C-alpha atoms as a PDB file:
ATOM      1  CA  MET A   1     -16.206  23.314  28.322  1.00  0.00           C
ATOM      2  CA  ILE A   2     -15.530  19.739  27.198  1.00  0.00           C
ATOM      3  CA  VAL A   3     -16.678  18.792  23.735  1.00  0.00           C
ATOM      4  CA  ILE A   4     -17.320  15.114  23.170  1.00  0.00           C
ATOM      5  CA  PRO A   5     -17.426  14.318  19.453  1.00  0.00           C
ATOM      6  CA  ARG A   6     -20.450  12.505  18.151  1.00  0.00           C
ATOM      7  CA  PRO A   7     -19.660   8.884  17.309  1.00  0.00           C
ATOM      8  CA  ASP A   8     -20.278   9.672  13.652  1.00  0.00           C
ATOM      9  CA  SER A   9     -17.971  12.712  13.539  1.00  0.00           C
ATOM     10  CA  PRO A  10     -15.298  12.552  10.821  1.00  0.00           C
ATOM     11  CA  ALA A  11     -12.413  12.524  13.332  1.00  0.00           C
ATOM     12  CA  GLN A  12     -13.905   9.717  15.404  1.00  0.00           C
ATOM     13  CA  SER A  13     -14.875   7.768  12.307  1.00  0.00           C
ATOM     14  CA  LEU A  14     -11.303   7.997  10.972  1.00  0.00           C
ATOM     15  CA  SER A  15      -9.888   6.962  14.336  1.00  0.00           C
ATOM     16  CA  GLN A  16     -12.195   3.934  14.390  1.00  0.00           C
ATOM     17  CA  SER A  17     -11.255   2.997  10.804  1.00  0.00           C
ATOM     18  CA  LEU A  18      -7.531   3.246  11.534  1.00  0.00           C
ATOM     19  CA  SER A  19      -7.868   1.217  14.754  1.00  0.00           C
ATOM     20  CA  ALA A  20      -9.917  -1.449  12.987  1.00  0.00           C
ATOM     21  CA  ALA A  21      -7.335  -1.673  10.204  1.00  0.00           C
ATOM     22  CA  LEU A  22      -4.516  -2.231  12.691  1.00  0.00           C
ATOM     23  CA  ARG A  23      -6.462  -5.107  14.268  1.00  0.00           C
ATOM     24  CA  ASP A  24      -6.580  -7.085  10.997  1.00  0.00           C
ATOM     25  CA  CYS A  25      -5.519  -5.806   7.590  1.00  0.00           C
ATOM     26  CA  VAL A  26      -3.194  -6.365   4.680  1.00  0.00           C
ATOM     27  CA  ILE A  27      -0.915  -3.528   3.643  1.00  0.00           C
ATOM     28  CA  LEU A  28       0.207  -3.812   0.046  1.00  0.00           C
ATOM     29  CA  ASP A  29       2.345  -2.048  -2.512  1.00  0.00           C
ATOM     30  CA  CYS A  30       3.218  -2.662  -6.153  1.00  0.00           C
ATOM     31  CA  GLU A  31       5.980  -1.307  -8.323  1.00  0.00           C
ATOM     32  CA  THR A  32       4.998  -1.164 -11.981  1.00  0.00           C
ATOM     33  CA  THR A  33       6.284  -0.426 -15.477  1.00  0.00           C
ATOM     34  CA  GLY A  34       4.102   2.700 -15.641  1.00  0.00           C
ATOM     35  CA  LEU A  35       0.826   4.253 -14.546  1.00  0.00           C
ATOM     36  CA  ASP A  36      -1.732   2.494 -16.777  1.00  0.00           C
ATOM     37  CA  PRO A  37      -3.064  -0.788 -15.339  1.00  0.00           C
ATOM     38  CA  ASP A  38      -4.442  -1.790 -18.750  1.00  0.00           C
ATOM     39  CA  ASN A  39      -1.082  -1.574 -20.535  1.00  0.00           C
ATOM     40  CA  ASP A  40       1.629  -1.540 -17.863  1.00  0.00           C
ATOM     41  CA  ARG A  41       2.643  -4.446 -15.638  1.00  0.00           C
ATOM     42  CA  ILE A  42       3.630  -5.206 -12.058  1.00  0.00           C
ATOM     43  CA  ILE A  43       7.382  -5.662 -11.518  1.00  0.00           C
ATOM     44  CA  GLU A  44       7.368  -6.099  -7.736  1.00  0.00           C
ATOM     45  CA  VAL A  45       4.680  -6.780  -5.156  1.00  0.00           C
ATOM     46  CA  ALA A  46       4.785  -6.861  -1.373  1.00  0.00           C
ATOM     47  CA  ALA A  47       2.054  -7.358   1.199  1.00  0.00           C
ATOM     48  CA  VAL A  48       2.026  -7.848   4.954  1.00  0.00           C
ATOM     49  CA  HIS A  49      -0.808  -9.148   7.106  1.00  0.00           C
ATOM     50  CA  LEU A  50      -1.126  -7.164  10.336  1.00  0.00           C
ATOM     51  CA  VAL A  51      -2.926  -8.538  13.374  1.00  0.00           C
ATOM     52  CA  ASP A  52      -3.115  -6.203  16.367  1.00  0.00           C
ATOM     53  CA  GLY A  53      -0.420  -4.053  14.759  1.00  0.00           C
ATOM     54  CA  ASP A  54       2.077  -6.899  14.321  1.00  0.00           C
ATOM     55  CA  ILE A  55       3.175  -8.455  11.031  1.00  0.00           C
ATOM     56  CA  VAL A  56       2.124 -12.119  11.087  1.00  0.00           C
ATOM     57  CA  GLU A  57       2.558 -13.057   7.425  1.00  0.00           C
ATOM     58  CA  SER A  58       4.034 -11.551   4.283  1.00  0.00           C
ATOM     59  CA  VAL A  59       4.342 -11.973   0.542  1.00  0.00           C
ATOM     60  CA  HIS A  60       7.114 -10.388  -1.518  1.00  0.00           C
ATOM     61  CA  SER A  61       8.338 -11.052  -5.019  1.00  0.00           C
ATOM     62  CA  LEU A  62      10.013  -9.428  -7.948  1.00  0.00           C
ATOM     63  CA  VAL A  63       8.101 -10.190 -11.141  1.00  0.00           C
ATOM     64  CA  ASP A  64       9.112 -10.598 -14.773  1.00  0.00           C
ATOM     65  CA  PRO A  65       6.652  -8.250 -16.501  1.00  0.00           C
ATOM     66  CA  GLY A  66       7.195  -9.825 -19.906  1.00  0.00           C
ATOM     67  CA  ILE A  67       7.797  -6.376 -21.417  1.00  0.00           C
ATOM     68  CA  PRO A  68      10.859  -4.104 -21.450  1.00  0.00           C
ATOM     69  CA  LEU A  69      11.304  -1.896 -18.410  1.00  0.00           C
ATOM     70  CA  PRO A  70      11.108   1.818 -19.286  1.00  0.00           C
ATOM     71  CA  GLN A  71      14.273   3.763 -18.464  1.00  0.00           C
ATOM     72  CA  VAL A  72      12.324   6.105 -16.177  1.00  0.00           C
ATOM     73  CA  ILE A  73      11.268   3.108 -14.045  1.00  0.00           C
ATOM     74  CA  THR A  74      14.862   1.851 -13.878  1.00  0.00           C
ATOM     75  CA  GLY A  75      15.851   5.327 -12.691  1.00  0.00           C
ATOM     76  CA  LEU A  76      13.085   5.360 -10.088  1.00  0.00           C
ATOM     77  CA  THR A  77      13.449   1.813  -8.709  1.00  0.00           C
ATOM     78  CA  GLY A  78      17.008   0.856  -9.615  1.00  0.00           C
ATOM     79  CA  MET A  79      15.666  -2.337 -11.232  1.00  0.00           C
ATOM     80  CA  THR A  80      16.761  -3.406 -14.708  1.00  0.00           C
ATOM     81  CA  ASP A  81      15.473  -5.882 -17.292  1.00  0.00           C
ATOM     82  CA  ALA A  82      18.304  -8.210 -16.230  1.00  0.00           C
ATOM     83  CA  ASP A  83      17.115  -8.055 -12.600  1.00  0.00           C
ATOM     84  CA  LEU A  84      13.635  -9.162 -13.630  1.00  0.00           C
ATOM     85  CA  SER A  85      14.306 -11.598 -16.475  1.00  0.00           C
ATOM     86  CA  GLU A  86      14.836 -14.600 -14.166  1.00  0.00           C
ATOM     87  CA  GLN A  87      11.934 -13.742 -11.840  1.00  0.00           C
ATOM     88  CA  PRO A  88       8.573 -15.544 -11.870  1.00  0.00           C
ATOM     89  CA  PRO A  89       5.693 -14.211 -13.940  1.00  0.00           C
ATOM     90  CA  VAL A  90       2.991 -12.395 -11.996  1.00  0.00           C
ATOM     91  CA  SER A  91       0.693 -15.415 -12.393  1.00  0.00           C
ATOM     92  CA  ALA A  92       3.005 -17.345 -10.037  1.00  0.00           C
ATOM     93  CA  VAL A  93       2.611 -14.687  -7.336  1.00  0.00           C
ATOM     94  CA  LEU A  94      -1.125 -14.040  -7.587  1.00  0.00           C
ATOM     95  CA  ASP A  95      -2.288 -17.118  -5.633  1.00  0.00           C
ATOM     96  CA  ASP A  96      -0.320 -16.172  -2.511  1.00  0.00           C
ATOM     97  CA  LEU A  97      -1.428 -12.551  -2.797  1.00  0.00           C
ATOM     98  CA  VAL A  98      -5.109 -13.413  -3.275  1.00  0.00           C
ATOM     99  CA  THR A  99      -5.004 -15.844  -0.343  1.00  0.00           C
ATOM    100  CA  LEU A 100      -3.352 -13.275   1.929  1.00  0.00           C
ATOM    101  CA  THR A 101      -5.756 -10.462   1.041  1.00  0.00           C
ATOM    102  CA  ARG A 102      -9.030 -12.394   0.882  1.00  0.00           C
ATOM    103  CA  ASN A 103     -11.792 -10.790   2.957  1.00  0.00           C
ATOM    104  CA  ARG A 104      -9.470  -8.428   4.793  1.00  0.00           C
ATOM    105  CA  THR A 105      -9.226  -4.663   4.874  1.00  0.00           C
ATOM    106  CA  LEU A 106      -6.664  -3.616   2.269  1.00  0.00           C
ATOM    107  CA  VAL A 107      -4.455  -0.673   3.164  1.00  0.00           C
ATOM    108  CA  GLY A 108      -2.019   1.197   0.980  1.00  0.00           C
ATOM    109  CA  HIS A 109      -0.651   4.593   0.174  1.00  0.00           C
ATOM    110  CA  ASN A 110      -2.906   5.361  -2.802  1.00  0.00           C
ATOM    111  CA  VAL A 111      -4.339   1.857  -2.445  1.00  0.00           C
ATOM    112  CA  SER A 112      -6.607   2.264  -5.481  1.00  0.00           C
ATOM    113  CA  PHE A 113      -3.483   2.363  -7.707  1.00  0.00           C
ATOM    114  CA  ASP A 114      -2.207  -0.946  -6.334  1.00  0.00           C
ATOM    115  CA  MET A 115      -5.620  -2.582  -6.502  1.00  0.00           C
ATOM    116  CA  ALA A 116      -6.108  -1.434 -10.102  1.00  0.00           C
ATOM    117  CA  PHE A 117      -2.825  -3.091 -11.101  1.00  0.00           C
ATOM    118  CA  ILE A 118      -3.485  -6.299  -9.166  1.00  0.00           C
ATOM    119  CA  ASN A 119      -6.994  -6.517 -10.614  1.00  0.00           C
ATOM    120  CA  GLY A 120      -5.613  -5.795 -14.090  1.00  0.00           C
ATOM    121  CA  GLU A 121      -3.205  -8.717 -13.748  1.00  0.00           C
ATOM    122  CA  LEU A 122      -5.995 -10.949 -12.405  1.00  0.00           C
ATOM    123  CA  ARG A 123      -8.229  -9.936 -15.332  1.00  0.00           C
ATOM    124  CA  ARG A 124      -5.481 -10.819 -17.843  1.00  0.00           C
ATOM    125  CA  GLU A 125      -5.283 -14.235 -16.145  1.00  0.00           C
ATOM    126  CA  GLY A 126      -9.065 -14.657 -16.487  1.00  0.00           C
ATOM    127  CA  ARG A 127      -9.528 -14.532 -12.730  1.00  0.00           C
ATOM    128  CA  ALA A 128     -11.935 -12.704 -10.427  1.00  0.00           C
ATOM    129  CA  SER A 129     -10.979  -9.338  -8.966  1.00  0.00           C
ATOM    130  CA  LEU A 130      -9.451  -9.030  -5.523  1.00  0.00           C
ATOM    131  CA  GLU A 131     -12.018  -9.303  -2.746  1.00  0.00           C
ATOM    132  CA  ALA A 132     -11.646  -6.953   0.203  1.00  0.00           C
ATOM    133  CA  ASP A 133     -13.859  -6.247   3.182  1.00  0.00           C
ATOM    134  CA  SER A 134     -12.878  -2.595   2.802  1.00  0.00           C
ATOM    135  CA  THR A 135      -9.982  -0.379   1.801  1.00  0.00           C
ATOM    136  CA  LEU A 136      -8.129   2.358   3.614  1.00  0.00           C
ATOM    137  CA  CYS A 137      -5.832   4.834   1.890  1.00  0.00           C
ATOM    138  CA  THR A 138      -3.074   6.229   4.099  1.00  0.00           C
ATOM    139  CA  ALA A 139      -2.624   9.194   1.734  1.00  0.00           C
ATOM    140  CA  GLU A 140      -6.274  10.200   2.219  1.00  0.00           C
ATOM    141  CA  SER A 141      -6.038   9.623   5.981  1.00  0.00           C
ATOM    142  CA  ALA A 142      -2.900  11.776   6.156  1.00  0.00           C
ATOM    143  CA  ARG A 143      -4.718  14.584   4.315  1.00  0.00           C
ATOM    144  CA  GLU A 144      -7.384  14.533   7.023  1.00  0.00           C
ATOM    145  CA  LEU A 145      -4.929  14.592   9.937  1.00  0.00           C
ATOM    146  CA  ILE A 146      -1.821  16.485   8.828  1.00  0.00           C
ATOM    147  CA  PRO A 147      -1.892  20.111   7.648  1.00  0.00           C
ATOM    148  CA  ARG A 148      -0.535  20.567   4.122  1.00  0.00           C
ATOM    149  CA  GLU A 149       1.849  23.299   5.294  1.00  0.00           C
ATOM    150  CA  LYS A 150       3.557  20.705   7.507  1.00  0.00           C
ATOM    151  CA  VAL A 151       4.260  18.191   4.739  1.00  0.00           C
ATOM    152  CA  GLY A 152       3.783  19.886   1.373  1.00  0.00           C
ATOM    153  CA  ARG A 153       2.735  16.925  -0.729  1.00  0.00           C
ATOM    154  CA  TYR A 154       1.339  13.784   0.848  1.00  0.00           C
ATOM    155  CA  ARG A 155       3.795  11.445  -0.858  1.00  0.00           C
ATOM    156  CA  LEU A 156       4.950   8.518   1.250  1.00  0.00           C
ATOM    157  CA  ASP A 157       8.610   9.573   1.148  1.00  0.00           C
ATOM    158  CA  ARG A 158       7.712  13.099   2.251  1.00  0.00           C
ATOM    159  CA  LEU A 159       5.505  11.884   5.110  1.00  0.00           C
ATOM    160  CA  ALA A 160       8.191   9.423   6.255  1.00  0.00           C
ATOM    161  CA  ALA A 161      10.794  12.198   6.369  1.00  0.00           C
ATOM    162  CA  VAL A 162       8.605  14.794   8.104  1.00  0.00           C
ATOM    163  CA  LEU A 163       7.136  12.356  10.630  1.00  0.00           C
ATOM    164  CA  GLY A 164      10.442  10.569  11.309  1.00  0.00           C
ATOM    165  CA  LEU A 165       9.105   7.127  10.426  1.00  0.00           C
ATOM    166  CA  ALA A 166      11.428   4.165  11.010  1.00  0.00           C
ATOM    167  CA  HIS A 167      11.316   3.007   7.367  1.00  0.00           C
ATOM    168  CA  SER A 168      11.991   5.219   4.369  1.00  0.00           C
ATOM    169  CA  PRO A 169      10.225   4.411   1.104  1.00  0.00           C
ATOM    170  CA  VAL A 170      12.519   3.957  -1.889  1.00  0.00           C
ATOM    171  CA  HIS A 171      10.122   2.946  -4.688  1.00  0.00           C
ATOM    172  CA  ARG A 172      10.664  -0.687  -3.790  1.00  0.00           C
ATOM    173  CA  ALA A 173       7.560  -2.568  -2.707  1.00  0.00           C
ATOM    174  CA  GLN A 174       8.847  -4.224   0.457  1.00  0.00           C
ATOM    175  CA  GLU A 175      10.359  -1.088   1.991  1.00  0.00           C
ATOM    176  CA  ASP A 176       7.347   0.973   0.918  1.00  0.00           C
ATOM    177  CA  VAL A 177       5.001  -1.499   2.655  1.00  0.00           C
ATOM    178  CA  LEU A 178       7.017  -1.217   5.878  1.00  0.00           C
ATOM    179  CA  ALA A 179       6.920   2.586   5.644  1.00  0.00           C
ATOM    180  CA  THR A 180       3.147   2.347   5.157  1.00  0.00           C
ATOM    181  CA  VAL A 181       2.882   0.174   8.294  1.00  0.00           C
ATOM    182  CA  ASP A 182       4.766   2.895  10.201  1.00  0.00           C
ATOM    183  CA  LEU A 183       2.510   5.584   8.724  1.00  0.00           C
ATOM    184  CA  LEU A 184      -0.678   3.672   9.569  1.00  0.00           C
ATOM    185  CA  GLN A 185       0.460   3.319  13.177  1.00  0.00           C
ATOM    186  CA  TRP A 186       1.391   7.029  13.352  1.00  0.00           C
ATOM    187  CA  LEU A 187      -1.966   8.049  11.861  1.00  0.00           C
ATOM    188  CA  GLN A 188      -3.881   5.867  14.318  1.00  0.00           C
ATOM    189  CA  ARG A 189      -2.097   7.484  17.274  1.00  0.00           C
ATOM    190  CA  ALA A 190      -2.697  10.969  15.837  1.00  0.00           C
ATOM    191  CA  ALA A 191      -6.384  10.269  15.197  1.00  0.00           C
ATOM    192  CA  ALA A 192      -6.844   8.897  18.718  1.00  0.00           C
ATOM    193  CA  ASP A 193      -5.415  12.161  20.094  1.00  0.00           C
ATOM    194  CA  THR A 194      -7.897  14.360  18.193  1.00  0.00           C
END
């Protein structure tokens, strides 16, 4: 017996969302001084514009957060206050980021975290929040497609290792974005096979 899923089934809906994202989306990642978008700051941002699965444009910058970098963040990212002190303020990076992301699907691994920080920085600058056609979280998509017993936690580094992705995330925005591109492509293939 052949079972054809209804067009509105969760598996088919996810497959359609992943395919649509690969046709035209922006994958983004931020590294920050902490977890609170109201009090912590962005220290690095990267975003790539994908069209038909290929990177056609990118934005990447280290950012001077204007506040001391907590030791735990230095341990996690390898960045120091000295690395960031000569970098541009986030206000200098926001225009390129807003232009790249405008009216596109935004994709990220825990994308709501990145959007909260970007919107927090925009708010501090007195600017409007980021506009997106839609968002897609690769962590949520992975939870729907990959059994927990296969990966344990759905962290990007864990998924990259288990799935053998080409890029390994290292808590640096640019490499994490490339790992997320790999993951999005893997998830789309997996969803199409379900």
